[in-house]
């Protein structure tokens, strides 16, 4: 399994645009979860 980690690390090292795209996707997903959780605060009753 450590060979797989080395392969992923070398791929990301050789393709910095892929690394930045993955980081941006991670940030987008973390922010969208917070927005979805906070948007349900004002609805009461039927």
N, C-alpha and C. Protein backbone atom coordinates (compact mmCIF):
# COMPACT_ATOMS: atom_id res chain seq x y z
N UNK A 1 0.81 -1.19 0.00
CA UNK A 1 0.00 0.00 0.00
C UNK A 1 0.86 1.25 0.00
N UNK A 2 2.04 1.18 0.56
CA UNK A 2 2.91 2.35 0.55
C UNK A 2 3.38 2.67 -0.87
N UNK A 3 3.42 1.66 -1.75
CA UNK A 3 3.76 1.93 -3.14
C UNK A 3 2.69 2.77 -3.81
N UNK A 4 1.42 2.54 -3.45
CA UNK A 4 0.34 3.35 -4.00
C UNK A 4 0.46 4.79 -3.55
N UNK A 5 0.84 5.02 -2.28
CA UNK A 5 1.01 6.37 -1.78
C UNK A 5 2.14 7.08 -2.50
N UNK A 6 3.21 6.35 -2.79
CA UNK A 6 4.33 6.94 -3.51
C UNK A 6 3.91 7.30 -4.93
N UNK A 7 3.09 6.45 -5.56
CA UNK A 7 2.62 6.74 -6.92
C UNK A 7 1.73 7.98 -6.94
N UNK A 8 0.84 8.10 -5.98
CA UNK A 8 -0.04 9.27 -5.91
C UNK A 8 0.78 10.52 -5.64
N UNK A 9 1.72 10.42 -4.73
CA UNK A 9 2.57 11.56 -4.40
C UNK A 9 3.38 12.01 -5.62
N UNK A 10 3.91 11.07 -6.38
CA UNK A 10 4.70 11.43 -7.54
C UNK A 10 3.82 12.03 -8.64
N UNK A 11 2.61 11.51 -8.79
CA UNK A 11 1.69 12.07 -9.78
C UNK A 11 1.34 13.51 -9.43
N UNK A 12 1.05 13.77 -8.16
CA UNK A 12 0.71 15.13 -7.75
C UNK A 12 1.92 16.06 -7.84
N UNK A 13 3.09 15.51 -7.59
CA UNK A 13 4.30 16.32 -7.70
C UNK A 13 4.57 16.70 -9.15
N UNK A 14 4.27 15.79 -10.07
CA UNK A 14 4.50 16.06 -11.49
C UNK A 14 3.39 16.88 -12.13
N UNK A 15 2.22 16.97 -11.51
CA UNK A 15 1.10 17.71 -12.06
C UNK A 15 0.54 18.68 -11.02
N UNK A 16 1.17 19.84 -10.86
CA UNK A 16 0.72 20.77 -9.81
C UNK A 16 -0.68 21.35 -10.08
N UNK A 17 -1.11 21.40 -11.33
CA UNK A 17 -2.46 21.89 -11.61
C UNK A 17 -3.51 20.92 -11.07
N UNK A 18 -3.23 19.64 -11.13
CA UNK A 18 -4.14 18.65 -10.57
C UNK A 18 -4.22 18.80 -9.05
N UNK A 19 -3.09 19.06 -8.43
CA UNK A 19 -3.07 19.27 -6.98
C UNK A 19 -3.90 20.49 -6.60
N UNK A 20 -3.76 21.57 -7.34
CA UNK A 20 -4.54 22.77 -7.02
C UNK A 20 -6.03 22.55 -7.31
N UNK A 21 -6.37 21.79 -8.34
CA UNK A 21 -7.78 21.49 -8.62
C UNK A 21 -8.38 20.63 -7.51
N UNK A 22 -7.65 19.65 -7.02
CA UNK A 22 -8.14 18.83 -5.91
C UNK A 22 -8.31 19.65 -4.64
N UNK A 23 -7.39 20.56 -4.40
CA UNK A 23 -7.50 21.42 -3.22
C UNK A 23 -8.71 22.34 -3.34
N UNK A 24 -8.92 22.91 -4.52
CA UNK A 24 -10.09 23.77 -4.73
C UNK A 24 -11.39 23.01 -4.57
N UNK A 25 -11.44 21.79 -5.05
CA UNK A 25 -12.63 20.95 -4.89
C UNK A 25 -12.89 20.64 -3.42
N UNK A 26 -11.84 20.38 -2.67
CA UNK A 26 -11.97 20.13 -1.24
C UNK A 26 -12.53 21.34 -0.51
N UNK A 27 -12.02 22.53 -0.85
CA UNK A 27 -12.52 23.75 -0.22
C UNK A 27 -13.97 24.00 -0.60
N UNK A 28 -14.31 23.79 -1.87
CA UNK A 28 -15.69 23.99 -2.33
C UNK A 28 -16.65 23.06 -1.61
N UNK A 29 -16.29 21.80 -1.48
CA UNK A 29 -17.15 20.85 -0.79
C UNK A 29 -17.30 21.17 0.69
N UNK A 30 -16.25 21.62 1.32
CA UNK A 30 -16.36 21.94 2.75
C UNK A 30 -17.22 23.18 2.97
N UNK A 31 -17.14 24.16 2.07
CA UNK A 31 -17.97 25.36 2.19
C UNK A 31 -19.42 25.07 1.86
N UNK A 32 -19.69 24.23 0.88
CA UNK A 32 -21.07 23.95 0.51
C UNK A 32 -21.79 23.17 1.60
N UNK A 33 -21.09 22.36 2.34
CA UNK A 33 -21.70 21.65 3.46
C UNK A 33 -22.13 22.61 4.56
N UNK A 34 -21.32 23.62 4.82
CA UNK A 34 -21.66 24.61 5.84
C UNK A 34 -22.85 25.45 5.40
N UNK A 35 -22.92 25.78 4.13
CA UNK A 35 -24.04 26.57 3.61
C UNK A 35 -25.34 25.76 3.67
N UNK A 36 -25.28 24.50 3.30
CA UNK A 36 -26.46 23.65 3.33
C UNK A 36 -26.96 23.45 4.75
N UNK A 37 -26.06 23.37 5.70
CA UNK A 37 -26.46 23.17 7.09
C UNK A 37 -27.05 24.44 7.69
N UNK A 38 -26.59 25.60 7.24
CA UNK A 38 -27.06 26.85 7.82
C UNK A 38 -28.30 27.42 7.16
N UNK A 39 -28.74 26.88 6.06
CA UNK A 39 -29.86 27.48 5.34
C UNK A 39 -31.22 27.04 5.85
N UNK A 40 -31.27 26.19 6.84
CA UNK A 40 -32.55 25.67 7.33
C UNK A 40 -32.94 26.30 8.66
N UNK A 41 -32.41 27.46 8.99
CA UNK A 41 -32.64 28.01 10.31
C UNK A 41 -33.93 28.76 10.49
N UNK A 42 -34.64 29.21 9.44
CA UNK A 42 -35.77 30.10 9.64
C UNK A 42 -37.12 29.56 9.28
N UNK A 43 -37.31 28.28 9.09
CA UNK A 43 -38.60 27.75 8.71
C UNK A 43 -39.25 27.06 9.91
N UNK A 44 -40.39 27.59 10.32
CA UNK A 44 -41.12 27.01 11.45
C UNK A 44 -42.55 26.75 11.05
N UNK A 45 -43.10 25.67 11.47
CA UNK A 45 -44.50 25.34 11.18
C UNK A 45 -44.70 24.74 9.82
N UNK A 46 -45.98 24.47 9.50
CA UNK A 46 -46.27 23.83 8.21
C UNK A 46 -46.25 24.80 7.04
